[in-house]
């Protein structure tokens, strides 16, 4: 059985999901005037970016 292929599919799915989440936060930033809320979204985008990087580099997760 091709477990490597399955792992790759799951990794790609997780990367796509993290990108979608980060894009959502970017849209929320564009529509808020609250500095605290904006910083929350910036922090969450950074977290998703770290997850994408970790998944892209070695298949690990750096949540």
C-alpha atoms as a PDB file:
ATOM      1  CA  UNK A   1       0.000   0.000   0.000  1.00  0.00           C
ATOM      2  CA  UNK A   2       1.225   3.525  -0.795  1.00  0.00           C
ATOM      3  CA  UNK A   3       1.359   5.130   2.642  1.00  0.00           C
ATOM      4  CA  UNK A   4       3.866   7.750   1.479  1.00  0.00           C
ATOM      5  CA  UNK A   5       1.350   8.975  -1.069  1.00  0.00           C
ATOM      6  CA  UNK A   6      -1.365   9.112   1.596  1.00  0.00           C
ATOM      7  CA  UNK A   7       0.907  11.115   3.896  1.00  0.00           C
ATOM      8  CA  UNK A   8       1.667  13.501   1.047  1.00  0.00           C
ATOM      9  CA  UNK A   9      -2.046  13.935   0.324  1.00  0.00           C
ATOM     10  CA  UNK A  10      -2.773  14.663   3.984  1.00  0.00           C
ATOM     11  CA  UNK A  11       0.130  17.118   4.174  1.00  0.00           C
ATOM     12  CA  UNK A  12      -1.114  18.926   1.049  1.00  0.00           C
ATOM     13  CA  UNK A  13      -4.615  19.046   2.512  1.00  0.00           C
ATOM     14  CA  UNK A  14      -3.291  20.577   5.750  1.00  0.00           C
ATOM     15  CA  UNK A  15      -1.202  23.137   3.866  1.00  0.00           C
ATOM     16  CA  UNK A  16      -4.188  24.163   1.748  1.00  0.00           C
ATOM     17  CA  UNK A  17      -6.329  24.480   4.879  1.00  0.00           C
ATOM     18  CA  UNK A  18      -3.751  26.644   6.643  1.00  0.00           C
ATOM     19  CA  UNK A  19      -3.500  28.906   3.589  1.00  0.00           C
ATOM     20  CA  UNK A  20      -7.276  29.243   3.508  1.00  0.00           C
ATOM     21  CA  UNK A  21      -7.361  30.134   7.213  1.00  0.00           C
ATOM     22  CA  UNK A  22      -4.580  32.726   6.773  1.00  0.00           C
ATOM     23  CA  UNK A  23      -6.451  34.286   3.832  1.00  0.00           C
ATOM     24  CA  UNK A  24      -9.583  34.490   5.974  1.00  0.00           C
ATOM     25  CA  UNK A  25      -7.679  36.327   8.714  1.00  0.00           C
ATOM     26  CA  UNK A  26      -6.285  38.734   6.110  1.00  0.00           C
ATOM     27  CA  UNK A  27      -9.831  39.592   5.053  1.00  0.00           C
ATOM     28  CA  UNK A  28     -10.812  40.102   8.688  1.00  0.00           C
ATOM     29  CA  UNK A  29      -7.856  42.469   9.202  1.00  0.00           C
ATOM     30  CA  UNK A  30      -9.034  44.526   6.245  1.00  0.00           C
ATOM     31  CA  UNK A  31     -12.455  44.941   7.839  1.00  0.00           C
ATOM     32  CA  UNK A  32     -11.611  45.779  11.440  1.00  0.00           C
ATOM     33  CA  UNK A  33     -10.742  49.064  13.102  1.00  0.00           C
ATOM     34  CA  UNK A  34      -9.902  47.511  16.460  1.00  0.00           C
ATOM     35  CA  UNK A  35      -6.138  47.353  17.099  1.00  0.00           C
ATOM     36  CA  UNK A  36      -6.435  44.426  19.519  1.00  0.00           C
ATOM     37  CA  UNK A  37      -8.481  42.398  17.082  1.00  0.00           C
ATOM     38  CA  UNK A  38      -6.055  43.233  14.276  1.00  0.00           C
ATOM     39  CA  UNK A  39      -3.099  42.017  16.363  1.00  0.00           C
ATOM     40  CA  UNK A  40      -4.952  38.804  17.171  1.00  0.00           C
ATOM     41  CA  UNK A  41      -5.402  38.122  13.447  1.00  0.00           C
ATOM     42  CA  UNK A  42      -1.767  38.986  12.708  1.00  0.00           C
ATOM     43  CA  UNK A  43      -0.655  36.514  15.369  1.00  0.00           C
ATOM     44  CA  UNK A  44      -2.916  33.836  13.944  1.00  0.00           C
ATOM     45  CA  UNK A  45      -1.591  34.438  10.428  1.00  0.00           C
ATOM     46  CA  UNK A  46       1.941  34.004  11.783  1.00  0.00           C
ATOM     47  CA  UNK A  47       0.905  30.715  13.425  1.00  0.00           C
ATOM     48  CA  UNK A  48      -0.577  29.433  10.165  1.00  0.00           C
ATOM     49  CA  UNK A  49       2.560  30.524   8.291  1.00  0.00           C
ATOM     50  CA  UNK A  50       4.726  28.528  10.703  1.00  0.00           C
ATOM     51  CA  UNK A  51       2.499  25.495  10.191  1.00  0.00           C
ATOM     52  CA  UNK A  52       2.735  25.842   6.411  1.00  0.00           C
ATOM     53  CA  UNK A  53       6.510  26.174   6.595  1.00  0.00           C
ATOM     54  CA  UNK A  54       6.901  23.150   8.866  1.00  0.00           C
ATOM     55  CA  UNK A  55       4.612  21.006   6.718  1.00  0.00           C
ATOM     56  CA  UNK A  56       6.376  22.117   3.540  1.00  0.00           C
ATOM     57  CA  UNK A  57       9.877  21.491   4.868  1.00  0.00           C
ATOM     58  CA  UNK A  58       9.626  18.151   6.596  1.00  0.00           C
ATOM     59  CA  UNK A  59       6.042  17.121   7.069  1.00  0.00           C
ATOM     60  CA  UNK A  60       6.081  18.172  10.727  1.00  0.00           C
ATOM     61  CA  UNK A  61       3.727  20.536  12.482  1.00  0.00           C
ATOM     62  CA  UNK A  62       4.840  23.532  14.488  1.00  0.00           C
ATOM     63  CA  UNK A  63       1.507  24.587  15.997  1.00  0.00           C
END
